[in-house]
């Protein structure tokens, strides 16, 4: 096994399971498209300058978890969504992601799904070392900067991923995976990374 293991984010198969538990306002299941490789460059930053989406009916979604490491405290993630346009929920029973976590916060929109989970990396190492590993092993590595969180971004197949340090913890990080809904093609994947609606939601992400 390699020393560094970057946990694979929620991709098409796992996300489809989450979609069964969380439905849009119309009640129809929203299933992400299958992940495919991409080679376009990801933006170096997002959030502060690009979000033009406005929340008409803002609601706060809260997601709390604790890692299995004895020195890791409970982490709480808060994110704002539009109750008129989005659906928010936490899948917790019988849903295991590739990271081994069974608790996943999900925001479904018409065009994409944002999935937030706890993800462990090797005990005692810091986020800078994880960042180096991601840069070496994943495509389209870059930095992201939002109002309340700074981290890294990369692509894994057709998914756009962002990772953020978990507050005061040396053992875990917050992994955010954005998956397209409906039709999936290269042009849409590139546009997703600068989508104003996605950036506006991410600008509200608060990790404590």
N, C-alpha and C. Protein backbone atom coordinates (compact mmCIF):
# COMPACT_ATOMS: atom_id res chain seq x y z
N UNK A 1 0.85 -1.20 0.00
CA UNK A 1 0.00 0.00 0.00
C UNK A 1 0.88 1.25 0.00
N UNK A 2 0.50 2.24 -0.78
CA UNK A 2 1.25 3.48 -0.80
C UNK A 2 1.12 4.18 0.55
N UNK A 3 2.17 4.94 0.88
CA UNK A 3 2.11 5.67 2.15
C UNK A 3 0.93 6.62 2.16
N UNK A 4 0.70 7.30 1.03
CA UNK A 4 -0.38 8.28 0.98
C UNK A 4 -1.59 7.68 0.30
N UNK A 5 -2.69 7.77 0.95
CA UNK A 5 -3.94 7.31 0.38
C UNK A 5 -4.92 8.47 0.43
N UNK A 6 -5.21 9.05 -0.73
CA UNK A 6 -6.22 10.09 -0.79
C UNK A 6 -7.55 9.40 -1.00
N UNK A 7 -8.45 9.58 -0.09
CA UNK A 7 -9.69 8.85 -0.15
C UNK A 7 -10.49 9.24 -1.38
N UNK A 8 -10.95 8.25 -2.12
CA UNK A 8 -11.76 8.53 -3.32
C UNK A 8 -13.07 9.16 -2.91
N UNK A 9 -13.46 10.26 -3.54
CA UNK A 9 -14.72 10.91 -3.18
C UNK A 9 -15.92 10.13 -3.69
N UNK A 10 -17.08 10.58 -3.30
CA UNK A 10 -18.31 9.94 -3.71
C UNK A 10 -18.45 10.10 -5.22
N UNK A 11 -18.46 9.02 -5.94
CA UNK A 11 -18.59 9.08 -7.40
C UNK A 11 -19.95 8.56 -7.79
N UNK A 12 -20.10 8.22 -9.07
CA UNK A 12 -21.43 7.95 -9.61
C UNK A 12 -22.19 6.87 -8.86
N UNK A 13 -21.57 5.74 -8.59
CA UNK A 13 -22.29 4.63 -7.97
C UNK A 13 -22.78 4.98 -6.57
N UNK A 14 -21.89 5.55 -5.76
CA UNK A 14 -22.27 5.91 -4.40
C UNK A 14 -23.27 7.05 -4.38
N UNK A 15 -23.07 8.02 -5.26
CA UNK A 15 -23.96 9.18 -5.30
C UNK A 15 -25.37 8.78 -5.68
N UNK A 16 -25.49 7.78 -6.55
CA UNK A 16 -26.82 7.31 -6.93
C UNK A 16 -27.56 6.78 -5.71
N UNK A 17 -26.83 6.12 -4.80
CA UNK A 17 -27.45 5.64 -3.57
C UNK A 17 -27.93 6.78 -2.71
N UNK A 18 -27.13 7.84 -2.64
CA UNK A 18 -27.53 9.01 -1.85
C UNK A 18 -28.76 9.67 -2.43
N UNK A 19 -28.87 9.66 -3.75
CA UNK A 19 -30.00 10.30 -4.41
C UNK A 19 -31.31 9.62 -4.04
N UNK A 20 -31.25 8.33 -3.69
CA UNK A 20 -32.46 7.63 -3.28
C UNK A 20 -32.99 8.17 -1.96
N UNK A 21 -32.07 8.67 -1.13
CA UNK A 21 -32.46 9.14 0.19
C UNK A 21 -32.81 10.62 0.21
N UNK A 22 -32.37 11.35 -0.78
CA UNK A 22 -32.61 12.79 -0.80
C UNK A 22 -33.21 13.18 -2.13
N UNK A 23 -34.42 13.70 -2.14
CA UNK A 23 -35.11 14.02 -3.38
C UNK A 23 -35.33 15.52 -3.48
N UNK A 24 -35.48 16.00 -4.70
CA UNK A 24 -35.74 17.41 -4.95
C UNK A 24 -37.17 17.76 -4.59
N UNK A 25 -37.52 19.02 -4.76
CA UNK A 25 -38.83 19.50 -4.37
C UNK A 25 -39.93 18.82 -5.16
N UNK A 26 -39.63 18.39 -6.39
CA UNK A 26 -40.64 17.74 -7.21
C UNK A 26 -40.86 16.30 -6.79
N UNK A 27 -39.96 15.76 -5.95
CA UNK A 27 -40.07 14.38 -5.52
C UNK A 27 -39.35 13.41 -6.41
N UNK A 28 -38.85 13.87 -7.53
CA UNK A 28 -38.14 12.99 -8.46
C UNK A 28 -36.72 12.79 -7.99
N UNK A 29 -36.23 11.56 -8.14
CA UNK A 29 -34.86 11.29 -7.76
C UNK A 29 -33.91 11.95 -8.74
N UNK A 30 -32.84 12.51 -8.22
CA UNK A 30 -31.84 13.16 -9.05
C UNK A 30 -30.58 12.33 -9.01
N UNK A 31 -30.25 11.66 -10.10
CA UNK A 31 -29.10 10.78 -10.11
C UNK A 31 -27.95 11.41 -10.87
N UNK A 32 -26.80 11.53 -10.24
CA UNK A 32 -25.63 12.08 -10.94
C UNK A 32 -25.23 11.20 -12.10
N UNK A 33 -24.66 11.84 -13.12
CA UNK A 33 -24.20 11.09 -14.28
C UNK A 33 -22.92 10.35 -13.95
N UNK A 34 -22.59 9.36 -14.78
CA UNK A 34 -21.39 8.57 -14.56
C UNK A 34 -20.15 9.45 -14.69
N UNK A 35 -19.17 9.18 -13.84
CA UNK A 35 -17.93 9.95 -13.85
C UNK A 35 -17.07 9.56 -15.04
N UNK A 36 -16.47 10.56 -15.68
CA UNK A 36 -15.57 10.33 -16.80
C UNK A 36 -14.33 11.19 -16.61
N UNK A 37 -13.20 10.78 -17.18
CA UNK A 37 -11.97 11.56 -17.03
C UNK A 37 -12.11 12.95 -17.62
N UNK A 38 -11.40 13.89 -17.03
CA UNK A 38 -11.37 15.24 -17.57
C UNK A 38 -9.97 15.78 -17.51
N UNK A 39 -9.64 16.67 -18.43
CA UNK A 39 -8.27 17.16 -18.50
C UNK A 39 -8.18 18.68 -18.48
N UNK A 40 -9.32 19.35 -18.34
CA UNK A 40 -9.31 20.81 -18.32
C UNK A 40 -8.76 21.33 -17.00
N UNK A 41 -8.15 22.49 -17.02
CA UNK A 41 -7.56 23.06 -15.80
C UNK A 41 -8.65 23.59 -14.89
N UNK A 42 -8.50 23.35 -13.61
CA UNK A 42 -9.42 23.86 -12.62
C UNK A 42 -9.02 25.27 -12.23
N UNK A 43 -9.97 26.11 -11.82
CA UNK A 43 -9.62 27.46 -11.39
C UNK A 43 -8.79 27.43 -10.13
N UNK A 44 -7.92 28.43 -9.94
CA UNK A 44 -7.06 28.48 -8.76
C UNK A 44 -7.81 28.96 -7.53
N UNK A 45 -8.87 29.68 -7.74
CA UNK A 45 -9.63 30.15 -6.60
C UNK A 45 -11.08 30.25 -6.98
N UNK A 46 -11.94 30.33 -5.98
CA UNK A 46 -13.36 30.46 -6.25
C UNK A 46 -14.04 31.04 -5.05
N UNK A 47 -15.24 31.54 -5.26
CA UNK A 47 -16.03 31.98 -4.13
C UNK A 47 -16.03 33.47 -3.94
N UNK A 48 -14.93 34.09 -3.62
CA UNK A 48 -14.93 35.49 -3.22
C UNK A 48 -15.30 36.43 -4.36
N UNK A 49 -14.92 36.08 -5.57
CA UNK A 49 -15.15 37.00 -6.68
C UNK A 49 -16.17 36.50 -7.69
N UNK A 50 -16.59 35.23 -7.57
CA UNK A 50 -17.38 34.68 -8.64
C UNK A 50 -18.84 34.41 -8.33
N UNK A 51 -19.25 34.44 -7.05
CA UNK A 51 -20.59 34.05 -6.70
C UNK A 51 -21.58 35.18 -6.96
N UNK A 52 -22.54 34.94 -7.87
CA UNK A 52 -23.54 35.93 -8.20
C UNK A 52 -24.95 35.41 -7.89
N UNK A 53 -25.04 34.20 -7.40
CA UNK A 53 -26.32 33.61 -7.07
C UNK A 53 -26.82 34.20 -5.75
N UNK A 54 -28.10 34.53 -5.69
CA UNK A 54 -28.66 35.08 -4.45
C UNK A 54 -29.67 34.11 -3.86
N UNK A 55 -29.65 33.98 -2.53
CA UNK A 55 -30.56 33.09 -1.84
C UNK A 55 -31.87 33.82 -1.55
N UNK A 56 -32.97 33.32 -2.09
CA UNK A 56 -34.27 33.93 -1.86
C UNK A 56 -34.88 33.47 -0.54
N UNK A 57 -34.65 32.21 -0.21
CA UNK A 57 -35.18 31.64 1.03
C UNK A 57 -34.07 30.84 1.71
N UNK A 58 -33.08 31.55 2.28
CA UNK A 58 -31.91 30.88 2.84
C UNK A 58 -32.21 30.06 4.10
N UNK A 59 -31.66 28.89 4.15
CA UNK A 59 -31.75 28.02 5.31
C UNK A 59 -30.36 27.48 5.62
N UNK A 60 -30.11 27.18 6.87
CA UNK A 60 -28.82 26.62 7.26
C UNK A 60 -28.92 25.11 7.42
N UNK A 61 -28.01 24.42 6.76
CA UNK A 61 -27.92 22.99 6.94
C UNK A 61 -26.73 22.69 7.82
N UNK A 62 -26.89 21.83 8.82
CA UNK A 62 -25.82 21.53 9.77
C UNK A 62 -25.51 20.03 9.72
N UNK A 63 -24.23 19.73 9.73
CA UNK A 63 -23.75 18.36 9.62
C UNK A 63 -22.61 18.18 10.62
N UNK A 64 -22.74 17.26 11.57
CA UNK A 64 -21.69 17.04 12.57
C UNK A 64 -21.17 15.62 12.50
N UNK A 65 -19.89 15.47 12.74
CA UNK A 65 -19.28 14.15 12.75
C UNK A 65 -18.07 14.16 13.66
N UNK A 66 -17.61 12.99 14.04
CA UNK A 66 -16.37 12.84 14.80
C UNK A 66 -15.60 11.69 14.19
N UNK A 67 -14.30 11.86 14.05
CA UNK A 67 -13.49 10.81 13.46
C UNK A 67 -13.26 9.70 14.48
N UNK A 68 -12.67 8.61 14.00
CA UNK A 68 -12.40 7.49 14.89
C UNK A 68 -11.11 7.65 15.67
N UNK A 69 -10.36 8.71 15.41
CA UNK A 69 -9.10 8.90 16.11
C UNK A 69 -9.34 9.55 17.47
N UNK A 70 -8.62 9.09 18.49
CA UNK A 70 -8.89 9.54 19.85
C UNK A 70 -8.59 11.01 20.07
N UNK A 71 -7.70 11.61 19.24
CA UNK A 71 -7.35 13.01 19.46
C UNK A 71 -8.13 13.95 18.55
N UNK A 72 -9.07 13.43 17.80
CA UNK A 72 -9.84 14.27 16.87
C UNK A 72 -11.16 14.65 17.51
N UNK A 73 -11.46 15.93 17.51
CA UNK A 73 -12.70 16.37 18.12
C UNK A 73 -13.85 16.28 17.11
N UNK A 74 -15.05 16.52 17.60
CA UNK A 74 -16.20 16.54 16.70
C UNK A 74 -16.12 17.77 15.81
N UNK A 75 -16.44 17.58 14.56
CA UNK A 75 -16.42 18.66 13.58
C UNK A 75 -17.85 18.97 13.16
N UNK A 76 -18.20 20.24 13.10
CA UNK A 76 -19.53 20.64 12.65
C UNK A 76 -19.39 21.51 11.40
N UNK A 77 -20.13 21.14 10.37
CA UNK A 77 -20.13 21.89 9.12
C UNK A 77 -21.49 22.56 8.96
N UNK A 78 -21.48 23.84 8.68
CA UNK A 78 -22.71 24.58 8.42
C UNK A 78 -22.65 25.15 7.02
N UNK A 79 -23.73 25.02 6.28
CA UNK A 79 -23.77 25.53 4.91
C UNK A 79 -25.17 26.08 4.64
N UNK A 80 -25.25 27.15 3.88
CA UNK A 80 -26.53 27.76 3.54
C UNK A 80 -27.01 27.26 2.20
N UNK A 81 -28.30 26.98 2.13
CA UNK A 81 -28.92 26.57 0.87
C UNK A 81 -30.23 27.33 0.70
N UNK A 82 -30.80 27.30 -0.48
CA UNK A 82 -32.06 27.98 -0.75
C UNK A 82 -33.18 26.96 -0.65
N UNK A 83 -34.04 27.12 0.33
CA UNK A 83 -35.11 26.15 0.56
C UNK A 83 -36.09 26.06 -0.59
N UNK A 84 -36.16 27.11 -1.42
CA UNK A 84 -37.06 27.09 -2.57
C UNK A 84 -36.46 26.38 -3.78
N UNK A 85 -35.13 26.30 -3.83
CA UNK A 85 -34.46 25.76 -5.01
C UNK A 85 -33.68 24.48 -4.73
N UNK A 86 -33.33 24.25 -3.49
CA UNK A 86 -32.43 23.16 -3.15
C UNK A 86 -33.06 22.21 -2.14
N UNK A 87 -32.50 21.03 -2.05
CA UNK A 87 -32.88 20.07 -1.01
C UNK A 87 -31.63 19.71 -0.22
N UNK A 88 -31.75 19.71 1.11
CA UNK A 88 -30.61 19.40 1.97
C UNK A 88 -30.97 18.22 2.86
N UNK A 89 -30.02 17.35 3.08
CA UNK A 89 -30.25 16.23 3.98
C UNK A 89 -28.95 15.57 4.36
N UNK A 90 -29.01 14.72 5.37
CA UNK A 90 -27.85 13.95 5.80
C UNK A 90 -28.20 12.47 5.73
N UNK A 91 -27.46 11.75 4.95
CA UNK A 91 -27.64 10.30 4.85
C UNK A 91 -26.79 9.66 5.93
N UNK A 92 -27.38 8.81 6.76
CA UNK A 92 -26.59 8.27 7.87
C UNK A 92 -26.73 6.77 8.09
N UNK A 93 -27.82 6.18 7.69
CA UNK A 93 -28.02 4.77 7.98
C UNK A 93 -27.80 3.91 6.74
N UNK A 94 -26.90 2.98 6.84
CA UNK A 94 -26.69 2.02 5.77
C UNK A 94 -26.07 2.60 4.51
N UNK A 95 -25.48 3.76 4.62
CA UNK A 95 -24.86 4.39 3.45
C UNK A 95 -23.38 4.56 3.74
N UNK A 96 -22.55 3.76 3.10
CA UNK A 96 -21.12 3.81 3.33
C UNK A 96 -20.43 4.34 2.08
N UNK A 97 -19.67 5.38 2.24
CA UNK A 97 -18.96 5.97 1.11
C UNK A 97 -17.60 5.30 0.94
N UNK A 98 -16.91 5.70 -0.10
CA UNK A 98 -15.58 5.14 -0.33
C UNK A 98 -14.60 5.50 0.78
N UNK A 99 -14.90 6.54 1.53
CA UNK A 99 -14.02 6.92 2.64
C UNK A 99 -14.31 6.11 3.89
N UNK A 100 -15.38 5.31 3.86
CA UNK A 100 -15.74 4.51 5.01
C UNK A 100 -16.67 5.23 5.97
N UNK A 101 -17.05 6.46 5.65
CA UNK A 101 -17.94 7.22 6.52
C UNK A 101 -19.38 6.95 6.13
N UNK A 102 -20.26 6.90 7.11
CA UNK A 102 -21.66 6.63 6.82
C UNK A 102 -22.52 7.88 6.92
N UNK A 103 -21.90 9.02 7.20
CA UNK A 103 -22.66 10.26 7.32
C UNK A 103 -22.23 11.23 6.23
N UNK A 104 -23.16 11.58 5.38
CA UNK A 104 -22.85 12.44 4.24
C UNK A 104 -23.91 13.53 4.14
N UNK A 105 -23.51 14.79 4.16
CA UNK A 105 -24.44 15.89 3.95
C UNK A 105 -24.53 16.15 2.45
N UNK A 106 -25.74 16.33 1.96
CA UNK A 106 -25.95 16.48 0.52
C UNK A 106 -26.86 17.67 0.24
N UNK A 107 -26.46 18.49 -0.72
CA UNK A 107 -27.32 19.55 -1.23
C UNK A 107 -27.59 19.24 -2.70
N UNK A 108 -28.84 19.03 -3.04
CA UNK A 108 -29.22 18.78 -4.42
C UNK A 108 -29.77 20.06 -5.05
N UNK A 109 -29.28 20.41 -6.22
CA UNK A 109 -29.83 21.50 -7.01
C UNK A 109 -30.30 20.90 -8.33
N UNK A 110 -30.83 21.74 -9.20
CA UNK A 110 -31.28 21.24 -10.50
C UNK A 110 -30.12 20.74 -11.34
N UNK A 111 -28.95 21.36 -11.19
CA UNK A 111 -27.83 21.07 -12.09
C UNK A 111 -26.72 20.23 -11.49
N UNK A 112 -26.63 20.20 -10.17
CA UNK A 112 -25.51 19.48 -9.54
C UNK A 112 -25.87 19.06 -8.12
N UNK A 113 -25.07 18.18 -7.59
CA UNK A 113 -25.19 17.74 -6.21
C UNK A 113 -23.88 18.01 -5.49
N UNK A 114 -23.96 18.66 -4.33
CA UNK A 114 -22.79 18.89 -3.49
C UNK A 114 -22.85 17.90 -2.33
N UNK A 115 -21.81 17.10 -2.18
CA UNK A 115 -21.80 16.07 -1.16
C UNK A 115 -20.62 16.32 -0.22
N UNK A 116 -20.90 16.44 1.06
CA UNK A 116 -19.89 16.80 2.05
C UNK A 116 -19.72 15.64 3.02
N UNK A 117 -18.48 15.20 3.22
CA UNK A 117 -18.25 14.08 4.12
C UNK A 117 -16.96 14.25 4.92
N UNK A 118 -16.92 13.53 6.00
CA UNK A 118 -15.69 13.39 6.77
C UNK A 118 -14.78 12.43 6.01
N UNK A 119 -13.50 12.74 5.94
CA UNK A 119 -12.56 11.85 5.26
C UNK A 119 -11.27 11.79 6.08
N UNK A 120 -10.80 10.60 6.42
CA UNK A 120 -9.59 10.48 7.20
C UNK A 120 -8.34 10.40 6.35
N UNK A 121 -7.24 10.92 6.85
CA UNK A 121 -5.95 10.60 6.25
C UNK A 121 -5.04 10.10 7.35
N UNK A 122 -3.86 9.71 6.99
CA UNK A 122 -3.02 9.00 7.94
C UNK A 122 -2.78 9.79 9.22
N UNK A 123 -2.94 9.10 10.32
CA UNK A 123 -2.87 9.69 11.65
C UNK A 123 -1.56 10.44 11.88
N UNK A 124 -1.69 11.68 12.36
CA UNK A 124 -0.52 12.44 12.74
C UNK A 124 0.08 13.30 11.65
N UNK A 125 -0.36 13.13 10.41
CA UNK A 125 0.18 13.94 9.33
C UNK A 125 -0.67 15.20 9.18
N UNK A 126 -0.10 16.21 8.54
CA UNK A 126 -0.83 17.46 8.43
C UNK A 126 -1.41 17.66 7.04
N UNK A 127 -2.23 18.71 6.90
CA UNK A 127 -2.93 18.96 5.65
C UNK A 127 -1.95 19.30 4.53
N UNK A 128 -0.83 19.93 4.86
CA UNK A 128 0.16 20.27 3.83
C UNK A 128 0.69 19.02 3.14
N UNK A 129 0.88 17.96 3.91
CA UNK A 129 1.36 16.71 3.33
C UNK A 129 0.29 16.08 2.45
N UNK A 130 -0.95 16.17 2.88
CA UNK A 130 -2.06 15.68 2.06
C UNK A 130 -2.13 16.46 0.75
N UNK A 131 -1.98 17.77 0.85
CA UNK A 131 -2.00 18.64 -0.33
C UNK A 131 -0.94 18.21 -1.34
N UNK A 132 0.24 17.90 -0.86
CA UNK A 132 1.33 17.47 -1.74
C UNK A 132 0.96 16.16 -2.45
N UNK A 133 0.35 15.25 -1.72
CA UNK A 133 -0.05 13.98 -2.29
C UNK A 133 -1.11 14.15 -3.38
N UNK A 134 -2.08 15.01 -3.11
CA UNK A 134 -3.13 15.27 -4.10
C UNK A 134 -2.54 15.86 -5.37
N UNK A 135 -1.63 16.82 -5.21
CA UNK A 135 -1.00 17.47 -6.37
C UNK A 135 -0.26 16.46 -7.23
N UNK A 136 0.30 15.44 -6.60
CA UNK A 136 1.08 14.45 -7.33
C UNK A 136 0.22 13.37 -7.98
N UNK A 137 -0.97 13.16 -7.46
CA UNK A 137 -1.74 11.99 -7.88
C UNK A 137 -3.07 12.29 -8.58
N UNK A 138 -3.52 13.54 -8.56
CA UNK A 138 -4.81 13.86 -9.17
C UNK A 138 -4.67 14.98 -10.19
N UNK A 139 -5.60 15.03 -11.12
CA UNK A 139 -5.57 16.02 -12.18
C UNK A 139 -6.16 17.35 -11.71
N UNK A 140 -5.75 18.40 -12.41
CA UNK A 140 -6.33 19.74 -12.24
C UNK A 140 -6.24 20.24 -10.80
N UNK A 141 -5.12 19.99 -10.16
CA UNK A 141 -4.92 20.45 -8.80
C UNK A 141 -4.87 21.98 -8.75
N UNK A 142 -5.45 22.55 -7.72
CA UNK A 142 -5.40 24.00 -7.54
C UNK A 142 -5.80 24.37 -6.12
N UNK A 143 -5.91 25.66 -5.87
CA UNK A 143 -6.32 26.17 -4.56
C UNK A 143 -7.70 26.80 -4.69
N UNK A 144 -8.48 26.72 -3.63
CA UNK A 144 -9.77 27.39 -3.57
C UNK A 144 -9.82 28.24 -2.31
N UNK A 145 -10.47 29.38 -2.42
CA UNK A 145 -10.58 30.30 -1.30
C UNK A 145 -12.00 30.84 -1.24
N UNK A 146 -12.70 30.53 -0.17
CA UNK A 146 -14.05 31.02 0.03
C UNK A 146 -14.08 31.94 1.25
N UNK A 147 -15.23 32.48 1.57
CA UNK A 147 -15.30 33.46 2.65
C UNK A 147 -14.86 32.88 3.99
N UNK A 148 -15.18 31.61 4.23
CA UNK A 148 -14.89 31.02 5.53
C UNK A 148 -13.97 29.81 5.48
N UNK A 149 -13.50 29.46 4.31
CA UNK A 149 -12.69 28.24 4.19
C UNK A 149 -11.72 28.34 3.03
N UNK A 150 -10.53 27.83 3.24
CA UNK A 150 -9.53 27.74 2.19
C UNK A 150 -9.04 26.31 2.10
N UNK A 151 -8.86 25.85 0.87
CA UNK A 151 -8.42 24.47 0.71
C UNK A 151 -7.85 24.22 -0.66
N UNK A 152 -7.99 22.99 -1.11
CA UNK A 152 -7.45 22.59 -2.41
C UNK A 152 -8.57 22.02 -3.26
N UNK A 153 -8.35 22.00 -4.57
CA UNK A 153 -9.32 21.41 -5.47
C UNK A 153 -8.61 20.50 -6.45
N UNK A 154 -9.35 19.56 -6.99
CA UNK A 154 -8.81 18.62 -7.97
C UNK A 154 -9.98 17.90 -8.63
N UNK A 155 -9.71 17.15 -9.67
CA UNK A 155 -10.75 16.36 -10.30
C UNK A 155 -10.45 14.88 -10.14
N UNK A 156 -11.50 14.12 -9.96
CA UNK A 156 -11.40 12.67 -9.87
C UNK A 156 -12.45 12.11 -10.81
N UNK A 157 -12.03 11.68 -12.00
CA UNK A 157 -12.99 11.30 -13.02
C UNK A 157 -13.81 12.51 -13.42
N UNK A 158 -15.12 12.39 -13.39
CA UNK A 158 -15.99 13.49 -13.75
C UNK A 158 -16.41 14.34 -12.58
N UNK A 159 -15.88 14.08 -11.40
CA UNK A 159 -16.26 14.82 -10.20
C UNK A 159 -15.27 15.94 -9.91
N UNK A 160 -15.79 17.08 -9.47
CA UNK A 160 -14.97 18.20 -9.03
C UNK A 160 -14.91 18.13 -7.51
N UNK A 161 -13.71 18.03 -6.96
CA UNK A 161 -13.54 17.80 -5.53
C UNK A 161 -12.80 18.96 -4.86
N UNK A 162 -13.18 19.25 -3.64
CA UNK A 162 -12.50 20.24 -2.82
C UNK A 162 -12.27 19.65 -1.44
N UNK A 163 -11.10 19.88 -0.88
CA UNK A 163 -10.77 19.37 0.45
C UNK A 163 -10.34 20.52 1.34
N UNK A 164 -10.82 20.50 2.58
CA UNK A 164 -10.54 21.57 3.54
C UNK A 164 -10.06 20.96 4.86
N UNK A 165 -9.13 21.63 5.53
CA UNK A 165 -8.68 21.11 6.83
C UNK A 165 -9.84 21.07 7.83
N UNK A 166 -9.88 20.03 8.63
CA UNK A 166 -10.84 19.97 9.73
C UNK A 166 -10.22 20.71 10.91
N UNK A 167 -10.98 21.59 11.51
CA UNK A 167 -10.46 22.50 12.53
C UNK A 167 -9.75 21.77 13.66
N UNK A 168 -8.51 22.19 13.92
CA UNK A 168 -7.72 21.70 15.06
C UNK A 168 -7.55 20.18 15.09
N UNK A 169 -7.57 19.57 13.93
CA UNK A 169 -7.41 18.13 13.89
C UNK A 169 -6.27 17.76 12.95
N UNK A 170 -5.49 16.77 13.32
CA UNK A 170 -4.39 16.32 12.46
C UNK A 170 -4.74 15.01 11.77
N UNK A 171 -5.99 14.61 11.87
CA UNK A 171 -6.33 13.28 11.38
C UNK A 171 -7.42 13.24 10.33
N UNK A 172 -8.09 14.33 10.07
CA UNK A 172 -9.16 14.28 9.10
C UNK A 172 -9.31 15.59 8.35
N UNK A 173 -10.09 15.54 7.29
CA UNK A 173 -10.38 16.73 6.52
C UNK A 173 -11.81 16.65 6.02
N UNK A 174 -12.34 17.76 5.54
CA UNK A 174 -13.68 17.80 4.99
C UNK A 174 -13.58 17.71 3.48
N UNK A 175 -14.20 16.70 2.93
CA UNK A 175 -14.16 16.46 1.49
C UNK A 175 -15.49 16.85 0.88
N UNK A 176 -15.46 17.73 -0.12
CA UNK A 176 -16.65 18.16 -0.82
C UNK A 176 -16.56 17.70 -2.27
N UNK A 177 -17.54 16.96 -2.72
CA UNK A 177 -17.56 16.44 -4.08
C UNK A 177 -18.77 17.02 -4.81
N UNK A 178 -18.54 17.62 -5.97
CA UNK A 178 -19.62 18.19 -6.76
C UNK A 178 -19.81 17.33 -8.00
N UNK A 179 -21.03 16.82 -8.16
CA UNK A 179 -21.34 15.90 -9.25
C UNK A 179 -22.46 16.50 -10.09
N UNK A 180 -22.31 16.46 -11.39
CA UNK A 180 -23.35 16.97 -12.29
C UNK A 180 -24.61 16.12 -12.21
N UNK A 181 -25.75 16.76 -12.33
CA UNK A 181 -27.02 16.07 -12.46
C UNK A 181 -27.38 16.00 -13.94
N UNK A 182 -28.07 14.96 -14.33
CA UNK A 182 -28.54 14.87 -15.71
C UNK A 182 -27.42 14.67 -16.70
N UNK A 183 -27.48 15.39 -17.83
CA UNK A 183 -26.49 15.24 -18.89
C UNK A 183 -25.10 15.59 -18.39
N UNK A 184 -24.16 14.76 -18.77
CA UNK A 184 -22.77 14.97 -18.36
C UNK A 184 -21.90 15.03 -19.60
N UNK A 185 -21.20 16.14 -19.76
CA UNK A 185 -20.26 16.26 -20.86
C UNK A 185 -19.11 17.16 -20.43
N UNK A 186 -18.06 17.16 -21.23
CA UNK A 186 -16.84 17.89 -20.86
C UNK A 186 -17.09 19.37 -20.65
N UNK A 187 -17.86 20.00 -21.54
CA UNK A 187 -18.12 21.44 -21.41
C UNK A 187 -18.84 21.76 -20.10
N UNK A 188 -19.82 20.94 -19.75
CA UNK A 188 -20.58 21.18 -18.52
C UNK A 188 -19.70 20.99 -17.29
N UNK A 189 -18.77 20.03 -17.34
CA UNK A 189 -17.88 19.81 -16.21
C UNK A 189 -16.97 21.01 -15.98
N UNK A 190 -16.49 21.59 -17.08
CA UNK A 190 -15.62 22.76 -16.96
C UNK A 190 -16.39 23.93 -16.37
N UNK A 191 -17.62 24.16 -16.86
CA UNK A 191 -18.42 25.28 -16.37
C UNK A 191 -18.82 25.10 -14.91
N UNK A 192 -18.95 23.85 -14.48
CA UNK A 192 -19.36 23.57 -13.11
C UNK A 192 -18.42 24.20 -12.10
N UNK A 193 -17.13 24.23 -12.41
CA UNK A 193 -16.13 24.72 -11.45
C UNK A 193 -16.26 26.21 -11.17
N UNK A 194 -16.92 26.94 -12.06
CA UNK A 194 -17.13 28.38 -11.84
C UNK A 194 -18.62 28.71 -11.79
N UNK A 195 -19.45 27.72 -11.54
CA UNK A 195 -20.90 27.92 -11.47
C UNK A 195 -21.26 28.86 -10.32
N UNK A 196 -21.91 29.99 -10.59
CA UNK A 196 -22.22 30.97 -9.52
C UNK A 196 -23.04 30.38 -8.38
N UNK A 197 -23.96 29.48 -8.71
CA UNK A 197 -24.79 28.87 -7.68
C UNK A 197 -23.96 27.99 -6.75
N UNK A 198 -23.07 27.21 -7.34
CA UNK A 198 -22.19 26.36 -6.54
C UNK A 198 -21.25 27.20 -5.69
N UNK A 199 -20.67 28.25 -6.28
CA UNK A 199 -19.75 29.11 -5.55
C UNK A 199 -20.44 29.84 -4.40
N UNK A 200 -21.69 30.24 -4.62
CA UNK A 200 -22.44 30.94 -3.57
C UNK A 200 -22.68 30.01 -2.38
N UNK A 201 -23.01 28.77 -2.66
CA UNK A 201 -23.20 27.80 -1.58
C UNK A 201 -21.89 27.57 -0.84
N UNK A 202 -20.82 27.38 -1.59
CA UNK A 202 -19.52 27.12 -0.97
C UNK A 202 -19.02 28.31 -0.17
N UNK A 203 -19.41 29.51 -0.56
CA UNK A 203 -19.02 30.71 0.20
C UNK A 203 -19.60 30.71 1.61
N UNK A 204 -20.66 29.92 1.82
CA UNK A 204 -21.29 29.87 3.15
C UNK A 204 -20.74 28.74 4.01
N UNK A 205 -19.89 27.90 3.44
CA UNK A 205 -19.36 26.76 4.19
C UNK A 205 -18.57 27.22 5.41
N UNK A 206 -18.93 26.71 6.57
CA UNK A 206 -18.25 27.04 7.81
C UNK A 206 -17.91 25.75 8.54
N UNK A 207 -16.64 25.55 8.83
CA UNK A 207 -16.17 24.33 9.49
C UNK A 207 -15.69 24.69 10.89
N UNK A 208 -16.26 24.06 11.90
CA UNK A 208 -15.86 24.33 13.29
C UNK A 208 -15.57 23.03 14.03
